[in-house]
């Protein structure tokens, strides 16, 4: 008998992929609506089998990178001229 066999004598790989089950990982809001929306997309993986997770993770990663990149594109606040009297 193969070591991969269970006590019941069946091969777990022969049963196919396990059903999707929520991981129960909490997501705290960041206060940035665009980031929060992307992080909420991760909840979709709770209803997918593992082979469907990659597409969601890649999409969320792209979105988070775009949000970070947009921070560099925003103009910095105008600084006040230096007052030599201070």
PDB file of N, CA and C in Angstrom:
ATOM      1  N   UNK A   1       0.842  -1.169   0.000  1.00  0.00           N
ATOM      2  CA  UNK A   1       0.000   0.000   0.000  1.00  0.00           C
ATOM      3  C   UNK A   1       0.892   1.240   0.000  1.00  0.00           C
ATOM      4  N   UNK A   2       0.522   2.255  -0.766  1.00  0.00           N
ATOM      5  CA  UNK A   2       1.277   3.488  -0.896  1.00  0.00           C
ATOM      6  C   UNK A   2       1.185   4.306   0.385  1.00  0.00           C
ATOM      7  N   UNK A   3       2.290   5.049   0.691  1.00  0.00           N
ATOM      8  CA  UNK A   3       2.263   5.929   1.856  1.00  0.00           C
ATOM      9  C   UNK A   3       1.285   7.078   1.659  1.00  0.00           C
ATOM     10  N   UNK A   4       0.942   7.380   0.402  1.00  0.00           N
ATOM     11  CA  UNK A   4       0.008   8.459   0.105  1.00  0.00           C
ATOM     12  C   UNK A   4      -1.438   8.064   0.406  1.00  0.00           C
ATOM     13  N   UNK A   5      -1.662   6.803   0.660  1.00  0.00           N
ATOM     14  CA  UNK A   5      -3.016   6.342   0.947  1.00  0.00           C
ATOM     15  C   UNK A   5      -3.429   6.802   2.341  1.00  0.00           C
ATOM     16  N   UNK A   6      -4.681   7.077   2.537  1.00  0.00           N
ATOM     17  CA  UNK A   6      -5.195   7.455   3.853  1.00  0.00           C
ATOM     18  C   UNK A   6      -5.520   6.198   4.632  1.00  0.00           C
ATOM     19  N   UNK A   7      -5.929   6.390   5.888  1.00  0.00           N
ATOM     20  CA  UNK A   7      -6.299   5.234   6.716  1.00  0.00           C
ATOM     21  C   UNK A   7      -7.448   4.452   6.098  1.00  0.00           C
ATOM     22  N   UNK A   8      -8.302   5.127   5.355  1.00  0.00           N
ATOM     23  CA  UNK A   8      -9.452   4.458   4.749  1.00  0.00           C
ATOM     24  C   UNK A   8      -9.046   3.691   3.499  1.00  0.00           C
ATOM     25  N   UNK A   9      -7.779   3.830   3.088  1.00  0.00           N
ATOM     26  CA  UNK A   9      -7.302   3.085   1.941  1.00  0.00           C
ATOM     27  C   UNK A   9      -7.554   3.780   0.618  1.00  0.00           C
ATOM     28  N   UNK A  10      -7.883   5.045   0.625  1.00  0.00           N
ATOM     29  CA  UNK A  10      -8.096   5.772  -0.620  1.00  0.00           C
ATOM     30  C   UNK A  10      -6.976   6.766  -0.832  1.00  0.00           C
ATOM     31  N   UNK A  11      -6.701   7.045  -2.067  1.00  0.00           N
ATOM     32  CA  UNK A  11      -5.662   8.003  -2.434  1.00  0.00           C
ATOM     33  C   UNK A  11      -6.307   9.389  -2.464  1.00  0.00           C
ATOM     34  N   UNK A  12      -5.851  10.355  -1.595  1.00  0.00           N
ATOM     35  CA  UNK A  12      -6.487  11.667  -1.557  1.00  0.00           C
ATOM     36  C   UNK A  12      -6.380  12.408  -2.885  1.00  0.00           C
ATOM     37  N   UNK A  13      -5.342  12.188  -3.644  1.00  0.00           N
ATOM     38  CA  UNK A  13      -5.182  12.861  -4.935  1.00  0.00           C
ATOM     39  C   UNK A  13      -6.224  12.386  -5.934  1.00  0.00           C
ATOM     40  N   UNK A  14      -6.700  11.174  -5.775  1.00  0.00           N
ATOM     41  CA  UNK A  14      -7.685  10.634  -6.704  1.00  0.00           C
ATOM     42  C   UNK A  14      -9.057  11.288  -6.509  1.00  0.00           C
ATOM     43  N   UNK A  15      -9.278  11.893  -5.350  1.00  0.00           N
ATOM     44  CA  UNK A  15     -10.562  12.509  -5.066  1.00  0.00           C
ATOM     45  C   UNK A  15     -10.713  13.857  -5.767  1.00  0.00           C
ATOM     46  N   UNK A  16      -9.633  14.416  -6.282  1.00  0.00           N
ATOM     47  CA  UNK A  16      -9.681  15.716  -6.956  1.00  0.00           C
ATOM     48  C   UNK A  16      -9.410  16.840  -5.979  1.00  0.00           C
ATOM     49  N   UNK A  17      -9.510  18.077  -6.465  1.00  0.00           N
ATOM     50  CA  UNK A  17      -9.207  19.215  -5.584  1.00  0.00           C
ATOM     51  C   UNK A  17     -10.247  19.376  -4.487  1.00  0.00           C
ATOM     52  N   UNK A  18      -9.788  19.862  -3.362  1.00  0.00           N
ATOM     53  CA  UNK A  18     -10.701  20.101  -2.246  1.00  0.00           C
ATOM     54  C   UNK A  18     -11.602  21.282  -2.576  1.00  0.00           C
ATOM     55  N   UNK A  19     -12.742  21.302  -1.970  1.00  0.00           N
ATOM     56  CA  UNK A  19     -13.680  22.410  -2.188  1.00  0.00           C
ATOM     57  C   UNK A  19     -13.101  23.688  -1.597  1.00  0.00           C
ATOM     58  N   UNK A  20     -13.509  24.808  -2.153  1.00  0.00           N
ATOM     59  CA  UNK A  20     -13.045  26.100  -1.653  1.00  0.00           C
ATOM     60  C   UNK A  20     -13.559  26.313  -0.237  1.00  0.00           C
ATOM     61  N   UNK A  21     -12.694  26.879   0.607  1.00  0.00           N
ATOM     62  CA  UNK A  21     -13.077  27.169   1.979  1.00  0.00           C
ATOM     63  C   UNK A  21     -12.455  28.499   2.387  1.00  0.00           C
ATOM     64  N   UNK A  22     -13.208  29.376   3.018  1.00  0.00           N
ATOM     65  CA  UNK A  22     -12.669  30.662   3.448  1.00  0.00           C
ATOM     66  C   UNK A  22     -11.502  30.482   4.407  1.00  0.00           C
ATOM     67  N   UNK A  23     -10.494  31.326   4.272  1.00  0.00           N
ATOM     68  CA  UNK A  23      -9.336  31.261   5.160  1.00  0.00           C
ATOM     69  C   UNK A  23      -9.593  31.999   6.471  1.00  0.00           C
ATOM     70  N   UNK A  24     -10.572  32.892   6.462  1.00  0.00           N
ATOM     71  CA  UNK A  24     -10.895  33.614   7.680  1.00  0.00           C
ATOM     72  C   UNK A  24      -9.890  34.699   8.027  1.00  0.00           C
ATOM     73  N   UNK A  25      -9.188  35.220   7.028  1.00  0.00           N
ATOM     74  CA  UNK A  25      -8.218  36.278   7.268  1.00  0.00           C
ATOM     75  C   UNK A  25      -8.940  37.618   7.234  1.00  0.00           C
ATOM     76  N   UNK A  26      -8.813  38.367   8.310  1.00  0.00           N
ATOM     77  CA  UNK A  26      -9.470  39.671   8.387  1.00  0.00           C
ATOM     78  C   UNK A  26      -8.726  40.721   7.573  1.00  0.00           C
ATOM     79  N   UNK A  27      -9.465  41.691   7.096  1.00  0.00           N
ATOM     80  CA  UNK A  27      -8.875  42.793   6.341  1.00  0.00           C
ATOM     81  C   UNK A  27      -9.300  44.085   7.013  1.00  0.00           C
ATOM     82  N   UNK A  28      -8.333  44.814   7.558  1.00  0.00           N
ATOM     83  CA  UNK A  28      -8.629  46.083   8.226  1.00  0.00           C
ATOM     84  C   UNK A  28      -8.609  47.204   7.198  1.00  0.00           C
ATOM     85  N   UNK A  29      -9.552  48.133   7.284  1.00  0.00           N
ATOM     86  CA  UNK A  29      -9.563  49.257   6.337  1.00  0.00           C
ATOM     87  C   UNK A  29      -8.319  50.128   6.510  1.00  0.00           C
ATOM     88  N   UNK A  30      -7.824  50.639   5.408  1.00  0.00           N
ATOM     89  CA  UNK A  30      -6.637  51.494   5.430  1.00  0.00           C
ATOM     90  C   UNK A  30      -7.006  52.963   5.476  1.00  0.00           C
ATOM     91  N   UNK A  31      -8.234  53.290   5.098  1.00  0.00           N
ATOM     92  CA  UNK A  31      -8.645  54.679   5.027  1.00  0.00           C
ATOM     93  C   UNK A  31      -8.451  55.285   3.648  1.00  0.00           C
ATOM     94  N   UNK A  32      -7.836  54.521   2.745  1.00  0.00           N
ATOM     95  CA  UNK A  32      -7.654  54.956   1.359  1.00  0.00           C
ATOM     96  C   UNK A  32      -8.644  54.149   0.526  1.00  0.00           C
ATOM     97  N   UNK A  33      -9.707  54.784   0.024  1.00  0.00           N
ATOM     98  CA  UNK A  33     -10.772  54.031  -0.642  1.00  0.00           C
ATOM     99  C   UNK A  33     -10.290  53.119  -1.775  1.00  0.00           C
ATOM    100  N   UNK A  34      -9.363  53.573  -2.598  1.00  0.00           N
ATOM    101  CA  UNK A  34      -8.906  52.743  -3.717  1.00  0.00           C
ATOM    102  C   UNK A  34      -8.172  51.501  -3.210  1.00  0.00           C
ATOM    103  N   UNK A  35      -7.367  51.660  -2.174  1.00  0.00           N
ATOM    104  CA  UNK A  35      -6.635  50.518  -1.601  1.00  0.00           C
ATOM    105  C   UNK A  35      -7.607  49.569  -0.904  1.00  0.00           C
ATOM    106  N   UNK A  36      -8.557  50.133  -0.159  1.00  0.00           N
ATOM    107  CA  UNK A  36      -9.535  49.285   0.523  1.00  0.00           C
ATOM    108  C   UNK A  36     -10.342  48.444  -0.464  1.00  0.00           C
ATOM    109  N   UNK A  37     -10.701  49.034  -1.601  1.00  0.00           N
ATOM    110  CA  UNK A  37     -11.448  48.290  -2.622  1.00  0.00           C
ATOM    111  C   UNK A  37     -10.606  47.145  -3.176  1.00  0.00           C
ATOM    112  N   UNK A  38      -9.335  47.398  -3.394  1.00  0.00           N
ATOM    113  CA  UNK A  38      -8.453  46.330  -3.895  1.00  0.00           C
ATOM    114  C   UNK A  38      -8.311  45.217  -2.865  1.00  0.00           C
ATOM    115  N   UNK A  39      -8.129  45.591  -1.614  1.00  0.00           N
ATOM    116  CA  UNK A  39      -7.982  44.567  -0.576  1.00  0.00           C
ATOM    117  C   UNK A  39      -9.265  43.762  -0.389  1.00  0.00           C
ATOM    118  N   UNK A  40     -10.408  44.395  -0.576  1.00  0.00           N
ATOM    119  CA  UNK A  40     -11.678  43.665  -0.490  1.00  0.00           C
ATOM    120  C   UNK A  40     -11.778  42.614  -1.584  1.00  0.00           C
ATOM    121  N   UNK A  41     -11.129  42.868  -2.720  1.00  0.00           N
ATOM    122  CA  UNK A  41     -11.145  41.868  -3.803  1.00  0.00           C
ATOM    123  C   UNK A  41     -10.540  40.556  -3.352  1.00  0.00           C
ATOM    124  N   UNK A  42      -9.652  40.606  -2.363  1.00  0.00           N
ATOM    125  CA  UNK A  42      -9.046  39.365  -1.872  1.00  0.00           C
ATOM    126  C   UNK A  42     -10.095  38.410  -1.296  1.00  0.00           C
ATOM    127  N   UNK A  43     -11.227  38.943  -0.865  1.00  0.00           N
ATOM    128  CA  UNK A  43     -12.299  38.089  -0.336  1.00  0.00           C
ATOM    129  C   UNK A  43     -12.828  37.145  -1.406  1.00  0.00           C
ATOM    130  N   UNK A  44     -12.659  37.513  -2.668  1.00  0.00           N
ATOM    131  CA  UNK A  44     -13.116  36.636  -3.758  1.00  0.00           C
ATOM    132  C   UNK A  44     -12.424  35.284  -3.713  1.00  0.00           C
ATOM    133  N   UNK A  45     -11.203  35.245  -3.194  1.00  0.00           N
ATOM    134  CA  UNK A  45     -10.477  33.976  -3.158  1.00  0.00           C
ATOM    135  C   UNK A  45     -11.112  32.990  -2.191  1.00  0.00           C
ATOM    136  N   UNK A  46     -11.924  33.490  -1.254  1.00  0.00           N
ATOM    137  CA  UNK A  46     -12.600  32.592  -0.316  1.00  0.00           C
ATOM    138  C   UNK A  46     -13.566  31.655  -1.026  1.00  0.00           C
ATOM    139  N   UNK A  47     -13.988  32.015  -2.221  1.00  0.00           N
ATOM    140  CA  UNK A  47     -14.979  31.218  -2.947  1.00  0.00           C
ATOM    141  C   UNK A  47     -14.384  30.513  -4.159  1.00  0.00           C
ATOM    142  N   UNK A  48     -13.048  30.568  -4.289  1.00  0.00           N
ATOM    143  CA  UNK A  48     -12.381  29.942  -5.427  1.00  0.00           C
ATOM    144  C   UNK A  48     -11.504  28.801  -4.953  1.00  0.00           C
ATOM    145  N   UNK A  49     -11.294  27.843  -5.828  1.00  0.00           N
ATOM    146  CA  UNK A  49     -10.300  26.818  -5.525  1.00  0.00           C
ATOM    147  C   UNK A  49      -8.920  27.456  -5.699  1.00  0.00           C
ATOM    148  N   UNK A  50      -7.907  26.816  -5.183  1.00  0.00           N
ATOM    149  CA  UNK A  50      -6.558  27.393  -5.167  1.00  0.00           C
ATOM    150  C   UNK A  50      -6.078  27.799  -6.560  1.00  0.00           C
ATOM    151  N   UNK A  51      -6.466  27.076  -7.599  1.00  0.00           N
ATOM    152  CA  UNK A  51      -5.984  27.425  -8.937  1.00  0.00           C
ATOM    153  C   UNK A  51      -6.600  28.724  -9.457  1.00  0.00           C
ATOM    154  N   UNK A  52      -7.618  29.243  -8.800  1.00  0.00           N
ATOM    155  CA  UNK A  52      -8.210  30.515  -9.196  1.00  0.00           C
ATOM    156  C   UNK A  52      -7.660  31.706  -8.430  1.00  0.00           C
ATOM    157  N   UNK A  53      -6.854  31.452  -7.400  1.00  0.00           N
ATOM    158  CA  UNK A  53      -6.318  32.533  -6.571  1.00  0.00           C
ATOM    159  C   UNK A  53      -5.329  33.416  -7.318  1.00  0.00           C
ATOM    160  N   UNK A  54      -4.515  32.833  -8.153  1.00  0.00           N
ATOM    161  CA  UNK A  54      -3.431  33.575  -8.800  1.00  0.00           C
ATOM    162  C   UNK A  54      -3.940  34.787  -9.576  1.00  0.00           C
ATOM    163  N   UNK A  55      -4.994  34.639 -10.333  1.00  0.00           N
ATOM    164  CA  UNK A  55      -5.514  35.756 -11.132  1.00  0.00           C
ATOM    165  C   UNK A  55      -5.953  36.911 -10.236  1.00  0.00           C
ATOM    166  N   UNK A  56      -6.593  36.598  -9.107  1.00  0.00           N
ATOM    167  CA  UNK A  56      -7.039  37.646  -8.183  1.00  0.00           C
ATOM    168  C   UNK A  56      -5.822  38.316  -7.542  1.00  0.00           C
ATOM    169  N   UNK A  57      -4.863  37.516  -7.071  1.00  0.00           N
ATOM    170  CA  UNK A  57      -3.667  38.078  -6.430  1.00  0.00           C
ATOM    171  C   UNK A  57      -2.904  38.985  -7.388  1.00  0.00           C
ATOM    172  N   UNK A  58      -2.750  38.546  -8.633  1.00  0.00           N
ATOM    173  CA  UNK A  58      -2.025  39.364  -9.608  1.00  0.00           C
ATOM    174  C   UNK A  58      -2.769  40.668  -9.890  1.00  0.00           C
ATOM    175  N   UNK A  59      -4.084  40.615  -9.991  1.00  0.00           N
ATOM    176  CA  UNK A  59      -4.871  41.817 -10.250  1.00  0.00           C
ATOM    177  C   UNK A  59      -4.761  42.801  -9.081  1.00  0.00           C
ATOM    178  N   UNK A  60      -4.864  42.299  -7.865  1.00  0.00           N
ATOM    179  CA  UNK A  60      -4.746  43.159  -6.685  1.00  0.00           C
ATOM    180  C   UNK A  60      -3.336  43.738  -6.614  1.00  0.00           C
ATOM    181  N   UNK A  61      -2.332  42.935  -6.892  1.00  0.00           N
ATOM    182  CA  UNK A  61      -0.945  43.415  -6.866  1.00  0.00           C
ATOM    183  C   UNK A  61      -0.735  44.536  -7.881  1.00  0.00           C
ATOM    184  N   UNK A  62      -1.269  44.356  -9.086  1.00  0.00           N
ATOM    185  CA  UNK A  62      -1.168  45.417 -10.115  1.00  0.00           C
ATOM    186  C   UNK A  62      -1.829  46.701  -9.631  1.00  0.00           C
ATOM    187  N   UNK A  63      -2.990  46.570  -9.047  1.00  0.00           N
ATOM    188  CA  UNK A  63      -3.713  47.742  -8.558  1.00  0.00           C
ATOM    189  C   UNK A  63      -2.970  48.460  -7.441  1.00  0.00           C
ATOM    190  N   UNK A  64      -2.397  47.685  -6.504  1.00  0.00           N
ATOM    191  CA  UNK A  64      -1.640  48.299  -5.411  1.00  0.00           C
ATOM    192  C   UNK A  64      -0.385  48.993  -5.931  1.00  0.00           C
ATOM    193  N   UNK A  65       0.276  48.379  -6.902  1.00  0.00           N
ATOM    194  CA  UNK A  65       1.458  49.030  -7.507  1.00  0.00           C
ATOM    195  C   UNK A  65       1.065  50.336  -8.183  1.00  0.00           C
ATOM    196  N   UNK A  66      -0.066  50.332  -8.873  1.00  0.00           N
ATOM    197  CA  UNK A  66      -0.528  51.542  -9.547  1.00  0.00           C
ATOM    198  C   UNK A  66      -0.826  52.636  -8.527  1.00  0.00           C
ATOM    199  N   UNK A  67      -1.427  52.271  -7.401  1.00  0.00           N
ATOM    200  CA  UNK A  67      -1.706  53.257  -6.354  1.00  0.00           C
ATOM    201  C   UNK A  67      -0.415  53.833  -5.794  1.00  0.00           C
ATOM    202  N   UNK A  68       0.578  52.989  -5.563  1.00  0.00           N
ATOM    203  CA  UNK A  68       1.861  53.482  -5.055  1.00  0.00           C
ATOM    204  C   UNK A  68       2.555  54.373  -6.081  1.00  0.00           C
ATOM    205  N   UNK A  69       2.499  53.980  -7.341  1.00  0.00           N
ATOM    206  CA  UNK A  69       3.114  54.777  -8.395  1.00  0.00           C
ATOM    207  C   UNK A  69       2.438  56.135  -8.503  1.00  0.00           C
ATOM    208  N   UNK A  70       1.133  56.171  -8.322  1.00  0.00           N
ATOM    209  CA  UNK A  70       0.412  57.438  -8.419  1.00  0.00           C
ATOM    210  C   UNK A  70       0.832  58.413  -7.319  1.00  0.00           C
ATOM    211  N   UNK A  71       1.312  57.900  -6.207  1.00  0.00           N
ATOM    212  CA  UNK A  71       1.794  58.791  -5.145  1.00  0.00           C
ATOM    213  C   UNK A  71       3.006  59.585  -5.611  1.00  0.00           C
ATOM    214  N   UNK A  72       3.847  58.964  -6.425  1.00  0.00           N
ATOM    215  CA  UNK A  72       5.021  59.658  -6.955  1.00  0.00           C
ATOM    216  C   UNK A  72       4.637  60.695  -7.999  1.00  0.00           C
ATOM    217  N   UNK A  73       3.507  60.500  -8.657  1.00  0.00           N
ATOM    218  CA  UNK A  73       3.101  61.391  -9.744  1.00  0.00           C
ATOM    219  C   UNK A  73       2.411  62.654  -9.236  1.00  0.00           C
ATOM    220  N   UNK A  74       1.914  62.631  -8.027  1.00  0.00           N
ATOM    221  CA  UNK A  74       1.216  63.800  -7.492  1.00  0.00           C
ATOM    222  C   UNK A  74       2.224  64.888  -7.154  1.00  0.00           C
ATOM    223  N   UNK A  75       1.884  66.139  -7.450  1.00  0.00           N
ATOM    224  CA  UNK A  75       2.807  67.224  -7.103  1.00  0.00           C
ATOM    225  C   UNK A  75       2.920  67.384  -5.590  1.00  0.00           C
ATOM    226  N   UNK A  76       4.125  67.722  -5.165  1.00  0.00           N
ATOM    227  CA  UNK A  76       4.349  67.951  -3.739  1.00  0.00           C
ATOM    228  C   UNK A  76       3.686  69.263  -3.340  1.00  0.00           C
ATOM    229  N   UNK A  77       3.262  69.362  -2.106  1.00  0.00           N
ATOM    230  CA  UNK A  77       2.657  70.622  -1.686  1.00  0.00           C
ATOM    231  C   UNK A  77       3.672  71.753  -1.802  1.00  0.00           C
ATOM    232  N   UNK A  78       3.190  72.903  -2.194  1.00  0.00           N
ATOM    233  CA  UNK A  78       4.079  74.060  -2.363  1.00  0.00           C
ATOM    234  C   UNK A  78       4.636  74.473  -1.007  1.00  0.00           C
ATOM    235  N   UNK A  79       5.922  74.657  -0.973  1.00  0.00           N
ATOM    236  CA  UNK A  79       6.536  75.069   0.283  1.00  0.00           C
ATOM    237  C   UNK A  79       6.517  76.589   0.375  1.00  0.00           C
ATOM    238  N   UNK A  80       6.462  77.062   1.589  1.00  0.00           N
ATOM    239  CA  UNK A  80       6.489  78.507   1.778  1.00  0.00           C
ATOM    240  C   UNK A  80       7.929  78.977   1.667  1.00  0.00           C
ATOM    241  N   UNK A  81       8.116  80.168   1.140  1.00  0.00           N
ATOM    242  CA  UNK A  81       9.487  80.690   1.045  1.00  0.00           C
ATOM    243  C   UNK A  81      10.096  80.843   2.433  1.00  0.00           C
ATOM    244  N   UNK A  82      11.384  80.640   2.493  1.00  0.00           N
ATOM    245  CA  UNK A  82      12.104  80.747   3.764  1.00  0.00           C
ATOM    246  C   UNK A  82      12.119  82.210   4.221  1.00  0.00           C
ATOM    247  N   UNK A  83      11.789  82.408   5.469  1.00  0.00           N
ATOM    248  CA  UNK A  83      11.815  83.750   6.052  1.00  0.00           C
ATOM    249  C   UNK A  83      13.125  83.897   6.814  1.00  0.00           C
ATOM    250  N   UNK A  84      14.048  84.727   6.306  1.00  0.00           N
ATOM    251  CA  UNK A  84      15.357  84.837   6.965  1.00  0.00           C
ATOM    252  C   UNK A  84      15.275  85.459   8.362  1.00  0.00           C
ATOM    253  N   UNK A  85      14.144  86.046   8.703  1.00  0.00           N
ATOM    254  CA  UNK A  85      14.011  86.666  10.035  1.00  0.00           C
ATOM    255  C   UNK A  85      13.762  85.627  11.112  1.00  0.00           C
ATOM    256  N   UNK A  86      13.451  84.391  10.731  1.00  0.00           N
ATOM    257  CA  UNK A  86      13.127  83.401  11.757  1.00  0.00           C
ATOM    258  C   UNK A  86      14.328  82.635  12.210  1.00  0.00           C
TER     259      UNK A  86
END
